[in-house]
Amino acid sequence: MSDTFLLARRLGRILTGMKYLYLLAVPLVLVISAYFIVKWNSTTNIADMWSRDTQAKNTQRDGGKVSDMPAASLDMLKLRQTHKLRPLTEQEDGKHIQDLPKGVFGFSMCSVNSLSARRGNTSSLEIHKHYDGIVYYVGYASDEDIEKYVTRQKHFHILTSPHSAEKGSTLFEIPVEFVSKCEERPLKDGYLFDLYVTAIPELQS
């Protein structure tokens, strides 16, 4: 046999071997790829399940807290933050104001006997109980009415709304004990609160 013929036979054997090697390699690559895909999906599913489980535990841990109130205005949020107040928990909802801890806020009508965790459909006023134990009516009024309070006048009214309005867009707070009388006036779908102050206690002799 000539060298050319022998070389051709060897080349043919090499090509045949490569062909079989290719046929074996392709399924192997597919199997390995499938393995890693399944493993990655399983890891992702486990991570998702762990994340959901963690969120569920966190929700249960915070389950005592009522889901957030109706969206509050930025100035109201800032006021709550300034005094480091938290919302009532479900267990505290409806409790008498004296039985509630300091540093909370809720909602009530004029009486402020107890606080609700949600404002509800009554458009009640927001009530803050500071860490010093003082309880405040919190709402919106006109600058003119608020000026009467700031300047410590006697025998004046502050028409207060739970929400900012054209005739009362300034947020203010006043201790409940300063208010001699509170009247609820129906207004459209809610109430306007008439806070009557005879005199600021600190001015009394």
Protein backbone atom coordinates (compact mmCIF):
# COMPACT_ATOMS: atom_id res chain seq x y z
CA MET A 1 0.00 0.00 0.00
CA SER A 2 1.12 3.48 -0.74
CA ASP A 3 1.73 6.04 1.96
CA THR A 4 -1.13 8.09 0.56
CA PHE A 5 -3.55 5.19 0.94
CA LEU A 6 -2.44 4.49 4.51
CA LEU A 7 -2.77 8.17 5.41
CA ALA A 8 -6.25 8.23 3.97
CA ARG A 9 -7.26 5.17 6.03
CA ARG A 10 -5.89 6.70 9.21
CA LEU A 11 -7.69 9.96 8.52
CA GLY A 12 -10.90 8.05 7.91
CA ARG A 13 -10.57 6.23 11.24
CA ILE A 14 -9.91 9.52 13.03
CA LEU A 15 -12.98 11.12 11.46
CA THR A 16 -15.09 8.08 12.32
CA GLY A 17 -13.88 8.25 15.92
CA MET A 18 -14.68 11.95 16.09
CA LYS A 19 -18.15 11.22 14.72
CA TYR A 20 -18.86 8.72 17.49
CA LEU A 21 -17.34 11.07 20.05
CA TYR A 22 -19.65 13.87 18.83
CA LEU A 23 -22.66 11.57 19.01
CA LEU A 24 -21.75 10.74 22.59
CA ALA A 25 -20.88 14.32 23.57
CA VAL A 26 -24.14 15.92 22.42
CA PRO A 27 -26.43 13.83 24.69
CA LEU A 28 -23.95 14.27 27.54
CA VAL A 29 -24.02 18.06 27.17
CA LEU A 30 -27.82 18.01 27.02
CA VAL A 31 -28.02 15.89 30.17
CA ILE A 32 -25.61 18.16 32.03
CA SER A 33 -27.49 21.26 30.86
CA ALA A 34 -30.81 19.80 31.93
CA TYR A 35 -29.36 18.94 35.34
CA PHE A 36 -28.17 22.48 35.98
CA ILE A 37 -31.44 23.98 34.72
CA VAL A 38 -33.47 21.78 37.07
CA LYS A 39 -31.11 22.53 39.95
CA TRP A 40 -31.28 26.28 39.32
CA ASN A 41 -35.09 26.23 39.16
CA SER A 42 -35.25 24.20 42.34
CA THR A 43 -32.93 26.64 44.11
CA THR A 44 -35.02 29.58 42.87
CA ASN A 45 -38.25 27.94 44.00
CA ILE A 46 -36.76 27.20 47.41
CA ALA A 47 -35.56 30.80 47.70
CA ASP A 48 -39.02 32.07 46.72
CA MET A 49 -40.68 29.74 49.18
CA TRP A 50 -38.27 30.84 51.93
CA SER A 51 -38.91 34.49 51.08
CA ARG A 52 -42.68 34.01 51.17
CA ASP A 53 -42.39 32.09 54.42
CA THR A 54 -40.26 34.84 55.93
CA GLN A 55 -42.77 37.48 54.81
CA ALA A 56 -45.60 35.44 56.26
CA LYS A 57 -43.76 35.16 59.59
CA ASN A 58 -43.07 38.89 59.60
CA THR A 59 -46.73 39.54 58.87
CA GLN A 60 -47.73 37.28 61.73
CA ARG A 61 -45.18 38.96 63.99
CA ASP A 62 -46.65 42.35 63.15
CA GLY A 63 -50.15 40.96 63.03
CA GLY A 64 -51.02 42.92 66.12
CA LYS A 65 -50.79 46.11 64.10
CA VAL A 66 -53.70 47.23 62.04
CA SER A 67 -52.97 47.77 58.35
CA ASP A 68 -52.32 51.39 57.65
CA MET A 69 -55.01 54.00 57.98
CA PRO A 70 -56.39 55.89 55.03
CA ALA A 71 -53.56 57.77 53.36
CA ALA A 72 -52.45 60.60 55.62
CA SER A 73 -51.13 63.92 54.36
CA LEU A 74 -47.40 64.58 54.43
CA ASP A 75 -47.69 67.12 57.22
CA MET A 76 -49.71 64.67 59.31
CA LEU A 77 -47.12 61.95 58.72
CA LYS A 78 -44.39 64.39 59.70
CA LEU A 79 -46.23 65.33 62.90
CA ARG A 80 -46.62 61.66 63.85
CA GLN A 81 -42.94 61.11 63.17
CA THR A 82 -41.89 64.18 65.14
CA HIS A 83 -43.61 62.83 68.25
CA LYS A 84 -42.60 59.23 67.42
CA LEU A 85 -46.17 57.98 67.52
CA ARG A 86 -47.29 54.57 66.35
CA PRO A 87 -50.74 53.39 65.26
CA LEU A 88 -52.91 51.32 67.56
CA THR A 89 -52.71 47.55 67.38
CA GLU A 90 -55.76 45.36 66.89
CA GLN A 91 -55.68 44.52 70.59
CA GLU A 92 -55.72 48.23 71.50
CA ASP A 93 -58.52 49.14 69.10
CA GLY A 94 -61.49 50.55 71.00
CA LYS A 95 -59.74 50.76 74.36
CA HIS A 96 -60.31 53.64 76.74
CA ILE A 97 -57.79 56.44 76.25
CA GLN A 98 -56.52 56.05 79.83
CA ASP A 99 -55.78 52.37 79.26
CA LEU A 100 -53.69 53.01 76.15
CA PRO A 101 -49.91 53.34 76.31
CA LYS A 102 -48.19 56.64 75.62
CA GLY A 103 -46.86 57.39 72.15
CA VAL A 104 -49.83 56.22 70.08
CA PHE A 105 -52.37 57.75 67.72
CA GLY A 106 -55.87 56.77 66.75
CA PHE A 107 -59.21 58.30 65.85
CA SER A 108 -62.22 59.50 67.80
CA MET A 109 -65.16 61.82 67.78
CA CYS A 110 -65.47 64.67 70.31
CA SER A 111 -65.74 62.53 73.41
CA VAL A 112 -62.28 60.88 73.13
CA ASN A 113 -63.42 58.21 75.59
CA SER A 114 -61.77 55.55 73.48
CA LEU A 115 -59.66 55.42 70.32
CA SER A 116 -60.26 53.51 67.12
CA ALA A 117 -57.44 52.16 65.02
CA ARG A 118 -59.17 53.32 61.82
CA ARG A 119 -60.84 56.57 60.95
CA GLY A 120 -63.75 54.71 59.40
CA ASN A 121 -66.66 56.36 57.64
CA THR A 122 -67.29 58.90 60.40
CA SER A 123 -64.41 61.21 59.41
CA SER A 124 -63.40 61.34 63.05
CA LEU A 125 -60.53 63.46 64.28
CA GLU A 126 -57.05 62.10 64.72
CA ILE A 127 -56.05 61.86 68.36
CA HIS A 128 -52.44 61.83 69.57
CA LYS A 129 -51.31 60.61 72.97
CA HIS A 130 -47.79 61.91 73.53
CA TYR A 131 -45.12 60.33 75.69
CA ASP A 132 -45.82 62.91 78.40
CA GLY A 133 -49.36 61.54 78.61
CA ILE A 134 -51.04 64.63 77.12
CA VAL A 135 -53.84 63.84 74.65
CA TYR A 136 -54.35 66.10 71.64
CA TYR A 137 -57.04 66.81 69.08
CA VAL A 138 -55.28 67.01 65.72
CA GLY A 139 -56.85 68.50 62.62
CA TYR A 140 -56.97 71.33 60.12
CA ALA A 141 -58.25 74.85 60.72
CA SER A 142 -57.96 78.34 59.29
CA ASP A 143 -54.96 80.49 60.18
CA GLU A 144 -57.37 83.01 61.69
CA ASP A 145 -58.78 80.47 64.16
CA ILE A 146 -55.38 79.05 65.00
CA GLU A 147 -54.10 82.58 65.69
CA LYS A 148 -56.66 82.84 68.50
CA TYR A 149 -55.08 79.81 70.13
CA VAL A 150 -51.49 80.87 69.51
CA THR A 151 -52.09 84.31 71.00
CA ARG A 152 -53.82 82.77 74.02
CA GLN A 153 -57.14 84.54 73.60
CA LYS A 154 -60.20 83.67 75.69
CA HIS A 155 -63.63 82.45 74.62
CA PHE A 156 -62.95 81.46 71.04
CA HIS A 157 -63.92 78.72 68.59
CA ILE A 158 -61.67 76.69 66.31
CA LEU A 159 -63.57 75.00 63.48
CA THR A 160 -61.53 71.87 62.87
CA SER A 161 -61.66 69.37 60.02
CA PRO A 162 -60.03 65.91 59.81
CA HIS A 163 -58.82 66.82 56.32
CA SER A 164 -57.25 69.86 54.73
CA ALA A 165 -59.84 72.10 53.09
CA GLU A 166 -59.96 75.47 51.38
CA LYS A 167 -61.18 77.25 54.51
CA GLY A 168 -58.94 75.27 56.83
CA SER A 169 -55.67 74.04 55.42
CA THR A 170 -53.29 74.45 58.35
CA LEU A 171 -52.55 71.46 60.56
CA PHE A 172 -52.55 72.09 64.30
CA GLU A 173 -52.90 70.24 67.58
CA ILE A 174 -54.48 71.32 70.84
CA PRO A 175 -54.64 69.46 74.16
CA VAL A 176 -58.06 67.94 74.77
CA GLU A 177 -58.06 69.41 78.28
CA PHE A 178 -57.85 72.92 76.80
CA VAL A 179 -61.16 72.44 74.97
CA SER A 180 -64.17 73.34 77.09
CA LYS A 181 -66.65 71.95 74.60
CA CYS A 182 -66.48 70.01 71.36
CA GLU A 183 -69.43 69.79 68.97
CA GLU A 184 -69.73 67.62 65.88
CA ARG A 185 -71.32 69.34 62.89
CA PRO A 186 -72.38 67.12 59.96
CA LEU A 187 -70.77 68.33 56.75
CA LYS A 188 -71.30 66.53 53.43
CA ASP A 189 -69.93 63.02 53.97
CA GLY A 190 -68.17 63.78 57.24
CA TYR A 191 -68.01 66.14 60.18
CA LEU A 192 -66.65 69.52 61.13
CA PHE A 193 -65.59 69.82 64.76
CA ASP A 194 -66.26 73.02 66.68
CA LEU A 195 -63.70 73.27 69.46
CA TYR A 196 -64.66 75.91 72.01
CA VAL A 197 -61.97 77.21 74.36
CA THR A 198 -62.90 79.44 77.28
CA ALA A 199 -59.33 80.03 78.44
CA ILE A 200 -55.97 78.36 78.18
CA PRO A 201 -55.38 76.67 81.57
CA GLU A 202 -51.91 78.13 82.02
CA LEU A 203 -53.39 81.67 81.92
CA GLN A 204 -55.78 80.99 84.75
CA SER A 205 -54.76 82.52 88.08
